[in-house]
Amino acid sequence: MAEKLIIPAELKICATCSYWDGLRKVDPELRLVVIDECAEGECLVKCACRRGLNNEGTGEHNCLWEHLAPDAEPTQGSDNDDQ
């Protein structure tokens, strides 16, 4: 059985990116991500297999890391409302 890792959602690694499709559990209230130590998934931006612990956001390998936080609910009276 693989060891589980508990990671703060703010940490910029593949497992905490919304573009990574690997197996993970997300606790939005505590802002934590739980993955297996050896978790792998596909980066939907680069179309390549990446380990959950990869840190692609530094150096010359810049990526489009996007936070896992849910989108904000639209407010009433916004410009997008049909009238």
Protein backbone atom coordinates (compact mmCIF):
# COMPACT_ATOMS: atom_id res chain seq x y z
CA MET A 1 0.00 0.00 0.00
CA ALA A 2 1.42 3.39 -1.02
CA GLU A 3 1.95 6.08 1.56
CA LYS A 4 -0.44 9.03 1.43
CA LEU A 5 0.78 12.61 1.36
CA ILE A 6 -1.21 15.57 2.64
CA ILE A 7 -0.30 18.74 0.75
CA PRO A 8 -1.48 22.34 1.21
CA ALA A 9 -3.49 23.36 -1.88
CA GLU A 10 -1.42 26.56 -2.21
CA LEU A 11 1.78 24.59 -2.93
CA LYS A 12 2.50 24.92 -6.67
CA ILE A 13 3.07 21.33 -7.73
CA CYS A 14 1.24 19.18 -10.29
CA ALA A 15 -1.04 17.53 -7.70
CA THR A 16 -2.50 20.89 -6.67
CA CYS A 17 -3.06 22.17 -10.22
CA SER A 18 -6.51 22.11 -11.78
CA TYR A 19 -4.94 20.99 -15.11
CA TRP A 20 -3.53 17.74 -13.60
CA ASP A 21 -5.88 14.75 -13.96
CA GLY A 22 -4.23 12.33 -11.53
CA LEU A 23 -6.02 10.58 -8.66
CA ARG A 24 -6.37 12.86 -5.64
CA LYS A 25 -8.78 13.84 -2.91
CA VAL A 26 -9.38 17.53 -2.29
CA ASP A 27 -10.71 19.03 0.94
CA PRO A 28 -11.83 22.55 -0.07
CA GLU A 29 -12.68 23.55 3.49
CA LEU A 30 -9.23 22.76 4.89
CA ARG A 31 -7.53 23.53 1.54
CA LEU A 32 -5.64 20.23 1.48
CA VAL A 33 -4.90 17.71 -1.27
CA VAL A 34 -4.26 14.02 -0.50
CA ILE A 35 -2.35 11.88 -3.02
CA ASP A 36 -0.40 8.63 -3.08
CA GLU A 37 3.34 9.18 -2.79
CA CYS A 38 3.86 7.79 -6.32
CA ALA A 39 0.73 9.33 -7.93
CA GLU A 40 0.92 10.12 -11.64
CA GLY A 41 -1.47 11.83 -14.01
CA GLU A 42 -1.62 13.74 -17.26
CA CYS A 43 -0.92 17.45 -17.45
CA LEU A 44 -3.78 18.64 -19.65
CA VAL A 45 -1.76 21.68 -20.78
CA LYS A 46 1.41 19.86 -21.83
CA CYS A 47 -0.32 16.57 -22.75
CA ALA A 48 2.34 14.66 -20.85
CA CYS A 49 2.46 12.28 -17.90
CA ARG A 50 3.58 14.03 -14.70
CA ARG A 51 4.16 12.85 -11.14
CA GLY A 52 1.97 14.58 -8.59
CA LEU A 53 5.01 15.94 -6.76
CA ASN A 54 6.54 17.56 -9.88
CA ASN A 55 7.28 21.24 -9.53
CA GLU A 56 7.04 22.51 -13.11
CA GLY A 57 6.42 26.15 -12.18
CA THR A 58 10.03 27.13 -11.54
CA GLY A 59 12.96 27.74 -13.81
CA GLU A 60 12.67 27.34 -17.57
CA HIS A 61 9.77 24.88 -17.34
CA ASN A 62 7.06 27.49 -16.70
CA CYS A 63 3.58 26.05 -16.71
CA LEU A 64 0.04 27.36 -16.50
CA TRP A 65 -0.52 26.21 -12.89
CA GLU A 66 -4.07 27.03 -11.82
CA HIS A 67 -5.40 26.86 -8.28
CA LEU A 68 -7.88 24.11 -7.42
CA ALA A 69 -10.23 26.53 -5.67
CA PRO A 70 -13.79 26.38 -6.99
CA ASP A 71 -14.97 29.18 -9.23
CA ALA A 72 -16.79 32.01 -7.49
CA GLU A 73 -20.57 32.01 -7.78
CA PRO A 74 -21.83 34.74 -10.13
CA THR A 75 -23.46 37.64 -8.34
CA GLN A 76 -26.95 38.84 -9.17
CA GLY A 77 -27.13 41.87 -11.40
CA SER A 78 -23.91 41.11 -13.25
CA ASP A 79 -23.45 42.17 -16.87
CA ASN A 80 -24.01 38.57 -18.04
CA ASP A 81 -27.64 38.42 -16.88
CA ASP A 82 -30.23 38.14 -19.65
CA GLN A 83 -33.03 40.68 -19.39
